[in-house]
PDB file of N, CA and C in Angstrom:
ATOM      1  N   MET A   1      56.469 -29.453  36.394  1.00  0.00           N
ATOM      2  CA  MET A   1      55.547 -28.481  35.977  1.00  0.00           C
ATOM      3  C   MET A   1      54.085 -28.759  36.826  1.00  0.00           C
ATOM      4  N   LEU A   2      53.457 -27.778  36.941  1.00  0.00           N
ATOM      5  CA  LEU A   2      52.317 -27.927  37.535  1.00  0.00           C
ATOM      6  C   LEU A   2      51.135 -28.294  36.673  1.00  0.00           C
ATOM      7  N   ASN A   3      50.205 -29.079  37.215  1.00  0.00           N
ATOM      8  CA  ASN A   3      49.014 -29.615  36.570  1.00  0.00           C
ATOM      9  C   ASN A   3      48.123 -28.657  36.924  1.00  0.00           C
ATOM     10  N   TRP A   4      47.666 -27.845  36.070  1.00  0.00           N
ATOM     11  CA  TRP A   4      46.548 -26.745  36.229  1.00  0.00           C
ATOM     12  C   TRP A   4      45.625 -26.951  35.493  1.00  0.00           C
ATOM     13  N   ARG A   5      44.395 -26.908  36.005  1.00  0.00           N
ATOM     14  CA  ARG A   5      43.198 -27.174  35.038  1.00  0.00           C
ATOM     15  C   ARG A   5      42.355 -26.002  35.203  1.00  0.00           C
ATOM     16  N   ARG A   6      41.993 -25.364  34.433  1.00  0.00           N
ATOM     17  CA  ARG A   6      40.894 -24.135  34.303  1.00  0.00           C
ATOM     18  C   ARG A   6      39.444 -24.666  34.841  1.00  0.00           C
ATOM     19  N   ASP A   7      38.932 -24.024  35.758  1.00  0.00           N
ATOM     20  CA  ASP A   7      37.468 -24.329  35.911  1.00  0.00           C
ATOM     21  C   ASP A   7      36.773 -24.160  34.713  1.00  0.00           C
ATOM     22  N   PRO A   8      35.947 -25.155  34.309  1.00  0.00           N
ATOM     23  CA  PRO A   8      35.039 -25.053  33.054  1.00  0.00           C
ATOM     24  C   PRO A   8      34.080 -23.965  33.034  1.00  0.00           C
ATOM     25  N   GLY A   9      33.405 -23.589  34.227  1.00  0.00           N
ATOM     26  CA  GLY A   9      32.347 -22.652  34.172  1.00  0.00           C
ATOM     27  C   GLY A   9      32.792 -21.170  34.572  1.00  0.00           C
ATOM     28  N   TYR A  10      34.229 -20.916  34.770  1.00  0.00           N
ATOM     29  CA  TYR A  10      34.657 -19.791  35.198  1.00  0.00           C
ATOM     30  C   TYR A  10      34.263 -18.697  34.186  1.00  0.00           C
ATOM     31  N   GLU A  11      34.482 -18.862  32.996  1.00  0.00           N
ATOM     32  CA  GLU A  11      34.335 -17.824  32.133  1.00  0.00           C
ATOM     33  C   GLU A  11      32.792 -17.435  32.073  1.00  0.00           C
ATOM     34  N   GLN A  12      31.902 -18.401  31.970  1.00  0.00           N
ATOM     35  CA  GLN A  12      30.542 -18.131  31.851  1.00  0.00           C
ATOM     36  C   GLN A  12      30.166 -17.365  33.202  1.00  0.00           C
ATOM     37  N   ARG A  13      30.591 -17.855  34.416  1.00  0.00           N
ATOM     38  CA  ARG A  13      30.234 -17.076  35.562  1.00  0.00           C
ATOM     39  C   ARG A  13      30.607 -15.886  35.663  1.00  0.00           C
ATOM     40  N   MET A  14      31.985 -15.394  35.087  1.00  0.00           N
ATOM     41  CA  MET A  14      32.513 -14.057  34.856  1.00  0.00           C
ATOM     42  C   MET A  14      31.646 -13.170  33.961  1.00  0.00           C
ATOM     43  N   ASN A  15      31.341 -13.709  32.974  1.00  0.00           N
ATOM     44  CA  ASN A  15      30.452 -12.987  31.909  1.00  0.00           C
ATOM     45  C   ASN A  15      29.029 -12.653  32.643  1.00  0.00           C
ATOM     46  N   GLU A  16      28.460 -13.560  33.471  1.00  0.00           N
ATOM     47  CA  GLU A  16      27.280 -13.455  33.942  1.00  0.00           C
ATOM     48  C   GLU A  16      27.327 -12.306  35.049  1.00  0.00           C
ATOM     49  N   ASN A  17      28.481 -12.256  35.676  1.00  0.00           N
ATOM     50  CA  ASN A  17      28.818 -11.285  36.811  1.00  0.00           C
ATOM     51  C   ASN A  17      28.882  -9.831  36.079  1.00  0.00           C
ATOM     52  N   ARG A  18      29.632  -9.784  35.046  1.00  0.00           N
ATOM     53  CA  ARG A  18      29.833  -8.504  34.370  1.00  0.00           C
ATOM     54  C   ARG A  18      28.378  -8.034  33.845  1.00  0.00           C
ATOM     55  N   ILE A  19      27.632  -9.026  33.205  1.00  0.00           N
ATOM     56  CA  ILE A  19      26.219  -8.598  32.778  1.00  0.00           C
ATOM     57  C   ILE A  19      25.430  -7.973  33.975  1.00  0.00           C
ATOM     58  N   ALA A  20      25.502  -8.757  35.137  1.00  0.00           N
ATOM     59  CA  ALA A  20      24.883  -8.410  36.479  1.00  0.00           C
ATOM     60  C   ALA A  20      25.344  -6.976  36.684  1.00  0.00           C
ATOM     61  N   ILE A  21      26.657  -6.740  36.694  1.00  0.00           N
ATOM     62  CA  ILE A  21      27.176  -5.435  37.219  1.00  0.00           C
ATOM     63  C   ILE A  21      26.642  -4.386  36.240  1.00  0.00           C
ATOM     64  N   GLU A  22      26.589  -4.561  34.973  1.00  0.00           N
ATOM     65  CA  GLU A  22      26.129  -3.546  34.038  1.00  0.00           C
ATOM     66  C   GLU A  22      24.685  -3.333  34.122  1.00  0.00           C
ATOM     67  N   ARG A  23      23.809  -4.255  34.543  1.00  0.00           N
ATOM     68  CA  ARG A  23      22.477  -4.169  34.917  1.00  0.00           C
ATOM     69  C   ARG A  23      22.278  -3.348  36.071  1.00  0.00           C
ATOM     70  N   SER A  24      23.208  -3.493  36.789  1.00  0.00           N
ATOM     71  CA  SER A  24      22.987  -2.718  38.223  1.00  0.00           C
ATOM     72  C   SER A  24      23.259  -1.295  38.190  1.00  0.00           C
ATOM     73  N   LYS A  25      24.482  -1.092  37.240  1.00  0.00           N
ATOM     74  CA  LYS A  25      24.823   0.295  36.982  1.00  0.00           C
ATOM     75  C   LYS A  25      23.713   0.990  36.253  1.00  0.00           C
ATOM     76  N   GLU A  26      23.012   0.300  35.356  1.00  0.00           N
ATOM     77  CA  GLU A  26      21.924   0.956  34.577  1.00  0.00           C
ATOM     78  C   GLU A  26      20.742   1.295  35.525  1.00  0.00           C
ATOM     79  N   ARG A  27      20.480   0.337  36.329  1.00  0.00           N
ATOM     80  CA  ARG A  27      19.472   0.546  37.350  1.00  0.00           C
ATOM     81  C   ARG A  27      19.743   1.600  38.321  1.00  0.00           C
ATOM     82  N   ILE A  28      21.004   1.838  38.741  1.00  0.00           N
ATOM     83  CA  ILE A  28      21.346   2.812  39.751  1.00  0.00           C
ATOM     84  C   ILE A  28      20.966   4.159  38.947  1.00  0.00           C
ATOM     85  N   LYS A  29      21.353   4.359  37.536  1.00  0.00           N
ATOM     86  CA  LYS A  29      21.423   5.594  36.816  1.00  0.00           C
ATOM     87  C   LYS A  29      19.802   5.873  36.757  1.00  0.00           C
ATOM     88  N   GLN A  30      18.855   4.850  36.476  1.00  0.00           N
ATOM     89  CA  GLN A  30      17.454   4.986  36.406  1.00  0.00           C
ATOM     90  C   GLN A  30      16.990   5.393  37.808  1.00  0.00           C
ATOM     91  N   ILE A  31      17.415   4.829  38.910  1.00  0.00           N
ATOM     92  CA  ILE A  31      16.976   5.251  40.134  1.00  0.00           C
ATOM     93  C   ILE A  31      17.401   6.890  40.445  1.00  0.00           C
ATOM     94  N   GLU A  32      18.693   7.200  40.201  1.00  0.00           N
ATOM     95  CA  GLU A  32      19.094   8.610  40.259  1.00  0.00           C
ATOM     96  C   GLU A  32      18.082   9.489  39.397  1.00  0.00           C
ATOM     97  N   SER A  33      17.764   9.078  38.181  1.00  0.00           N
ATOM     98  CA  SER A  33      17.111   9.985  37.414  1.00  0.00           C
ATOM     99  C   SER A  33      15.559  10.161  38.045  1.00  0.00           C
ATOM    100  N   GLU A  34      14.834   9.227  38.585  1.00  0.00           N
ATOM    101  CA  GLU A  34      13.742   9.148  39.290  1.00  0.00           C
ATOM    102  C   GLU A  34      13.731  10.064  40.676  1.00  0.00           C
ATOM    103  N   ILE A  35      14.960   9.844  41.257  1.00  0.00           N
ATOM    104  CA  ILE A  35      15.129  10.713  42.323  1.00  0.00           C
ATOM    105  C   ILE A  35      15.009  12.135  42.045  1.00  0.00           C
ATOM    106  N   LEU A  36      15.778  12.551  41.068  1.00  0.00           N
ATOM    107  CA  LEU A  36      15.628  13.820  40.556  1.00  0.00           C
ATOM    108  C   LEU A  36      14.414  14.361  40.070  1.00  0.00           C
ATOM    109  N   GLN A  37      13.740  13.597  39.436  1.00  0.00           N
ATOM    110  CA  GLN A  37      12.286  13.843  39.066  1.00  0.00           C
ATOM    111  C   GLN A  37      11.508  14.146  40.188  1.00  0.00           C
ATOM    112  N   VAL A  38      11.621  13.102  41.357  1.00  0.00           N
ATOM    113  CA  VAL A  38      10.859  13.423  42.295  1.00  0.00           C
ATOM    114  C   VAL A  38      11.111  14.774  43.059  1.00  0.00           C
ATOM    115  N   ARG A  39      12.430  15.066  43.185  1.00  0.00           N
ATOM    116  CA  ARG A  39      12.813  16.338  43.929  1.00  0.00           C
ATOM    117  C   ARG A  39      12.291  17.511  43.033  1.00  0.00           C
ATOM    118  N   ASN A  40      12.319  17.364  41.835  1.00  0.00           N
ATOM    119  CA  ASN A  40      11.718  18.547  40.970  1.00  0.00           C
ATOM    120  C   ASN A  40      10.290  18.752  41.080  1.00  0.00           C
ATOM    121  N   ASP A  41       9.589  17.492  41.136  1.00  0.00           N
ATOM    122  CA  ASP A  41       8.211  17.598  41.472  1.00  0.00           C
ATOM    123  C   ASP A  41       7.787  17.993  42.734  1.00  0.00           C
ATOM    124  N   SER A  42       8.661  17.762  43.757  1.00  0.00           N
ATOM    125  CA  SER A  42       8.442  18.320  45.034  1.00  0.00           C
ATOM    126  C   SER A  42       8.597  19.673  45.259  1.00  0.00           C
ATOM    127  N   GLU A  43       9.597  20.129  44.472  1.00  0.00           N
ATOM    128  CA  GLU A  43       9.818  21.750  44.542  1.00  0.00           C
ATOM    129  C   GLU A  43       8.720  22.442  43.813  1.00  0.00           C
ATOM    130  N   ARG A  44       8.281  21.721  42.714  1.00  0.00           N
ATOM    131  CA  ARG A  44       7.090  22.384  42.029  1.00  0.00           C
ATOM    132  C   ARG A  44       5.929  22.348  42.851  1.00  0.00           C
ATOM    133  N   ILE A  45       5.693  21.315  43.587  1.00  0.00           N
ATOM    134  CA  ILE A  45       4.523  21.285  44.557  1.00  0.00           C
ATOM    135  C   ILE A  45       4.504  22.376  45.678  1.00  0.00           C
ATOM    136  N   GLU A  46       5.776  22.556  46.129  1.00  0.00           N
ATOM    137  CA  GLU A  46       5.887  23.528  47.350  1.00  0.00           C
ATOM    138  C   GLU A  46       5.776  24.857  46.627  1.00  0.00           C
ATOM    139  N   ASN A  47       6.352  25.135  45.410  1.00  0.00           N
ATOM    140  CA  ASN A  47       5.921  26.539  44.934  1.00  0.00           C
ATOM    141  C   ASN A  47       4.538  26.867  44.635  1.00  0.00           C
ATOM    142  N   ASP A  48       3.853  25.760  44.064  1.00  0.00           N
ATOM    143  CA  ASP A  48       2.535  25.814  43.700  1.00  0.00           C
ATOM    144  C   ASP A  48       1.704  25.982  44.951  1.00  0.00           C
ATOM    145  N   THR A  49       1.974  25.380  46.063  1.00  0.00           N
ATOM    146  CA  THR A  49       1.251  25.418  47.336  1.00  0.00           C
ATOM    147  C   THR A  49       1.605  26.877  48.008  1.00  0.00           C
ATOM    148  N   GLU A  50       2.720  27.243  47.865  1.00  0.00           N
ATOM    149  CA  GLU A  50       3.110  28.686  48.484  1.00  0.00           C
ATOM    150  C   GLU A  50       2.252  29.806  47.708  1.00  0.00           C
ATOM    151  N   GLN A  51       2.126  29.670  46.314  1.00  0.00           N
ATOM    152  CA  GLN A  51       1.387  30.544  45.381  1.00  0.00           C
ATOM    153  C   GLN A  51      -0.001  30.465  45.705  1.00  0.00           C
ATOM    154  N   LEU A  52      -0.603  29.326  45.977  1.00  0.00           N
ATOM    155  CA  LEU A  52      -1.894  29.036  46.329  1.00  0.00           C
ATOM    156  C   LEU A  52      -2.146  29.835  47.786  1.00  0.00           C
ATOM    157  N   ARG A  53      -1.374  29.874  48.700  1.00  0.00           N
ATOM    158  CA  ARG A  53      -1.350  30.404  49.850  1.00  0.00           C
ATOM    159  C   ARG A  53      -1.493  31.817  49.749  1.00  0.00           C
ATOM    160  N   GLN A  54      -0.761  32.408  48.920  1.00  0.00           N
ATOM    161  CA  GLN A  54      -0.755  33.843  48.827  1.00  0.00           C
ATOM    162  C   GLN A  54      -2.058  34.284  48.070  1.00  0.00           C
ATOM    163  N   GLU A  55      -2.315  33.391  46.999  1.00  0.00           N
ATOM    164  CA  GLU A  55      -3.659  33.961  46.403  1.00  0.00           C
ATOM    165  C   GLU A  55      -4.858  33.777  47.367  1.00  0.00           C
ATOM    166  N   ASN A  56      -4.734  32.912  48.173  1.00  0.00           N
ATOM    167  CA  ASN A  56      -6.043  32.661  49.099  1.00  0.00           C
ATOM    168  C   ASN A  56      -6.074  33.819  50.123  1.00  0.00           C
ATOM    169  N   ALA A  57      -4.839  34.363  50.487  1.00  0.00           N
ATOM    170  CA  ALA A  57      -4.700  35.446  51.438  1.00  0.00           C
ATOM    171  C   ALA A  57      -5.101  36.867  50.610  1.00  0.00           C
ATOM    172  N   LYS A  58      -4.820  36.877  49.521  1.00  0.00           N
ATOM    173  CA  LYS A  58      -5.144  38.053  48.729  1.00  0.00           C
ATOM    174  C   LYS A  58      -6.723  38.029  48.459  1.00  0.00           C
ATOM    175  N   GLU A  59      -7.210  36.843  48.282  1.00  0.00           N
ATOM    176  CA  GLU A  59      -8.746  36.704  48.017  1.00  0.00           C
ATOM    177  C   GLU A  59      -9.499  37.040  49.344  1.00  0.00           C
ATOM    178  N   LYS A  60      -8.952  36.471  50.457  1.00  0.00           N
ATOM    179  CA  LYS A  60      -9.702  36.861  51.712  1.00  0.00           C
ATOM    180  C   LYS A  60      -9.650  38.341  51.935  1.00  0.00           C
ATOM    181  N   ALA A  61      -8.400  38.931  51.742  1.00  0.00           N
ATOM    182  CA  ALA A  61      -8.362  40.343  51.810  1.00  0.00           C
ATOM    183  C   ALA A  61      -9.342  41.165  50.907  1.00  0.00           C
ATOM    184  N   LEU A  62      -9.365  40.777  49.816  1.00  0.00           N
ATOM    185  CA  LEU A  62     -10.310  41.408  48.946  1.00  0.00           C
ATOM    186  C   LEU A  62     -11.777  41.165  49.275  1.00  0.00           C
ATOM    187  N   SER A  63     -12.109  39.873  49.689  1.00  0.00           N
ATOM    188  CA  SER A  63     -13.434  39.590  49.921  1.00  0.00           C
ATOM    189  C   SER A  63     -13.666  40.458  51.326  1.00  0.00           C
ATOM    190  N   ALA A  64     -12.915  40.612  52.086  1.00  0.00           N
ATOM    191  CA  ALA A  64     -13.024  41.344  53.427  1.00  0.00           C
ATOM    192  C   ALA A  64     -13.360  42.891  53.026  1.00  0.00           C
ATOM    193  N   SER A  65     -12.623  43.420  52.121  1.00  0.00           N
ATOM    194  CA  SER A  65     -12.682  44.795  51.707  1.00  0.00           C
ATOM    195  C   SER A  65     -14.166  45.129  51.034  1.00  0.00           C
ATOM    196  N   ILE A  66     -14.445  44.173  50.165  1.00  0.00           N
ATOM    197  CA  ILE A  66     -15.791  44.006  49.372  1.00  0.00           C
ATOM    198  C   ILE A  66     -16.962  44.098  50.525  1.00  0.00           C
ATOM    199  N   LYS A  67     -16.885  43.162  51.407  1.00  0.00           N
ATOM    200  CA  LYS A  67     -17.881  43.193  52.484  1.00  0.00           C
ATOM    201  C   LYS A  67     -17.934  44.395  53.117  1.00  0.00           C
ATOM    202  N   ARG A  68     -16.824  44.780  53.465  1.00  0.00           N
ATOM    203  CA  ARG A  68     -16.701  46.309  54.364  1.00  0.00           C
ATOM    204  C   ARG A  68     -17.187  47.414  53.487  1.00  0.00           C
ATOM    205  N   LEU A  69     -17.051  47.532  52.117  1.00  0.00           N
ATOM    206  CA  LEU A  69     -17.410  48.710  51.462  1.00  0.00           C
ATOM    207  C   LEU A  69     -18.780  48.452  50.925  1.00  0.00           C
ATOM    208  N   CYS A  70     -19.132  47.145  50.597  1.00  0.00           N
ATOM    209  CA  CYS A  70     -20.580  46.944  49.961  1.00  0.00           C
ATOM    210  C   CYS A  70     -21.722  46.778  50.990  1.00  0.00           C
ATOM    211  N   PHE A  71     -21.203  46.273  52.009  1.00  0.00           N
ATOM    212  CA  PHE A  71     -22.201  45.829  53.165  1.00  0.00           C
ATOM    213  C   PHE A  71     -21.864  46.352  54.484  1.00  0.00           C
ATOM    214  N   PRO A  72     -21.924  47.693  54.716  1.00  0.00           N
ATOM    215  CA  PRO A  72     -21.436  48.187  56.056  1.00  0.00           C
ATOM    216  C   PRO A  72     -22.284  47.682  57.170  1.00  0.00           C
ATOM    217  N   PRO A  73     -21.954  47.793  58.449  1.00  0.00           N
ATOM    218  CA  PRO A  73     -22.618  47.332  59.515  1.00  0.00           C
ATOM    219  C   PRO A  73     -24.004  48.136  59.552  1.00  0.00           C
ATOM    220  N   GLU A  74     -25.043  47.396  60.081  1.00  0.00           N
ATOM    221  CA  GLU A  74     -26.383  48.041  60.098  1.00  0.00           C
ATOM    222  C   GLU A  74     -26.404  49.347  60.958  1.00  0.00           C
ATOM    223  N   SER A  75     -25.479  49.423  61.911  1.00  0.00           N
ATOM    224  CA  SER A  75     -25.510  50.828  63.014  1.00  0.00           C
ATOM    225  C   SER A  75     -25.062  51.823  62.076  1.00  0.00           C
ATOM    226  N   SER A  76     -24.017  51.624  61.074  1.00  0.00           N
ATOM    227  CA  SER A  76     -23.563  52.770  60.368  1.00  0.00           C
ATOM    228  C   SER A  76     -24.285  52.922  58.984  1.00  0.00           C
ATOM    229  N   SER A  77     -24.892  52.296  58.647  1.00  0.00           N
ATOM    230  CA  SER A  77     -25.617  52.381  57.096  1.00  0.00           C
ATOM    231  C   SER A  77     -26.595  53.451  57.313  1.00  0.00           C
ATOM    232  N   ILE A  78     -26.687  54.274  56.157  1.00  0.00           N
ATOM    233  CA  ILE A  78     -27.720  55.363  56.121  1.00  0.00           C
ATOM    234  C   ILE A  78     -28.933  54.768  55.460  1.00  0.00           C
ATOM    235  N   HIS A  79     -29.919  54.935  56.275  1.00  0.00           N
ATOM    236  CA  HIS A  79     -31.157  54.473  55.835  1.00  0.00           C
ATOM    237  C   HIS A  79     -31.981  55.578  54.765  1.00  0.00           C
ATOM    238  N   GLN A  80     -32.183  55.066  53.685  1.00  0.00           N
ATOM    239  CA  GLN A  80     -32.762  55.931  52.652  1.00  0.00           C
ATOM    240  C   GLN A  80     -34.318  55.635  52.454  1.00  0.00           C
ATOM    241  N   THR A  81     -34.956  56.599  52.320  1.00  0.00           N
ATOM    242  CA  THR A  81     -36.612  56.343  52.333  1.00  0.00           C
ATOM    243  C   THR A  81     -36.615  55.949  50.596  1.00  0.00           C
ATOM    244  N   PRO A  82     -37.474  54.910  50.603  1.00  0.00           N
ATOM    245  CA  PRO A  82     -37.636  54.426  49.157  1.00  0.00           C
ATOM    246  C   PRO A  82     -38.346  55.611  48.370  1.00  0.00           C
ATOM    247  N   ILE A  83     -37.867  55.804  47.109  1.00  0.00           N
ATOM    248  CA  ILE A  83     -38.518  56.548  46.026  1.00  0.00           C
ATOM    249  C   ILE A  83     -39.610  55.905  45.119  1.00  0.00           C
ATOM    250  N   GLU A  84     -40.817  56.688  45.200  1.00  0.00           N
ATOM    251  CA  GLU A  84     -41.802  55.987  44.427  1.00  0.00           C
ATOM    252  C   GLU A  84     -41.543  56.318  42.921  1.00  0.00           C
ATOM    253  N   LEU A  85     -41.992  55.430  42.156  1.00  0.00           N
ATOM    254  CA  LEU A  85     -41.981  55.544  40.671  1.00  0.00           C
ATOM    255  C   LEU A  85     -42.586  56.675  40.233  1.00  0.00           C
ATOM    256  N   GLY A  86     -41.948  57.496  39.295  1.00  0.00           N
ATOM    257  CA  GLY A  86     -42.522  58.626  38.728  1.00  0.00           C
ATOM    258  C   GLY A  86     -42.311  59.899  39.578  1.00  0.00           C
ATOM    259  N   SER A  87     -41.550  59.895  40.798  1.00  0.00           N
ATOM    260  CA  SER A  87     -41.467  61.020  41.620  1.00  0.00           C
ATOM    261  C   SER A  87     -40.001  61.697  41.097  1.00  0.00           C
ATOM    262  N   LYS A  88     -40.014  62.781  41.393  1.00  0.00           N
ATOM    263  CA  LYS A  88     -38.977  63.649  41.092  1.00  0.00           C
ATOM    264  C   LYS A  88     -37.919  63.756  42.362  1.00  0.00           C
ATOM    265  N   PRO A  89     -36.782  63.619  42.198  1.00  0.00           N
ATOM    266  CA  PRO A  89     -35.518  63.659  43.194  1.00  0.00           C
ATOM    267  C   PRO A  89     -35.711  65.063  43.902  1.00  0.00           C
ATOM    268  N   PHE A  90     -35.573  65.136  45.165  1.00  0.00           N
ATOM    269  CA  PHE A  90     -35.501  66.303  45.862  1.00  0.00           C
ATOM    270  C   PHE A  90     -34.138  67.046  45.890  1.00  0.00           C
ATOM    271  N   LEU A  91     -34.251  68.275  45.363  1.00  0.00           N
ATOM    272  CA  LEU A  91     -33.171  68.922  45.299  1.00  0.00           C
ATOM    273  C   LEU A  91     -32.982  70.146  46.223  1.00  0.00           C
ATOM    274  N   PRO A  92     -32.104  70.292  47.251  1.00  0.00           N
ATOM    275  CA  PRO A  92     -32.134  71.269  48.146  1.00  0.00           C
ATOM    276  C   PRO A  92     -31.798  72.646  47.527  1.00  0.00           C
ATOM    277  N   SER A  93     -32.301  73.836  47.831  1.00  0.00           N
ATOM    278  CA  SER A  93     -32.009  75.144  47.212  1.00  0.00           C
ATOM    279  C   SER A  93     -30.991  75.899  48.092  1.00  0.00           C
TER     280      SER A  93
END
């Protein structure tokens, strides 16, 4: 018959290894969750940035239109003579 003795610390080491494996699995799940959150945040930031670009382009176009309509260049603006207080407007007949 074989004289076999079990290693006295074997069970304890195996339990510690199982616990370490479970902790590793939990940490992997946590990291995967964090990665998904970062991806979602990144997509949201990209969408927000694109929306801001579009809004800035619209604002620039609107500002240019306002300047063009409200403040024509001096060469094309019609100079009007000032009207004195109490005077009547000129109506051509």
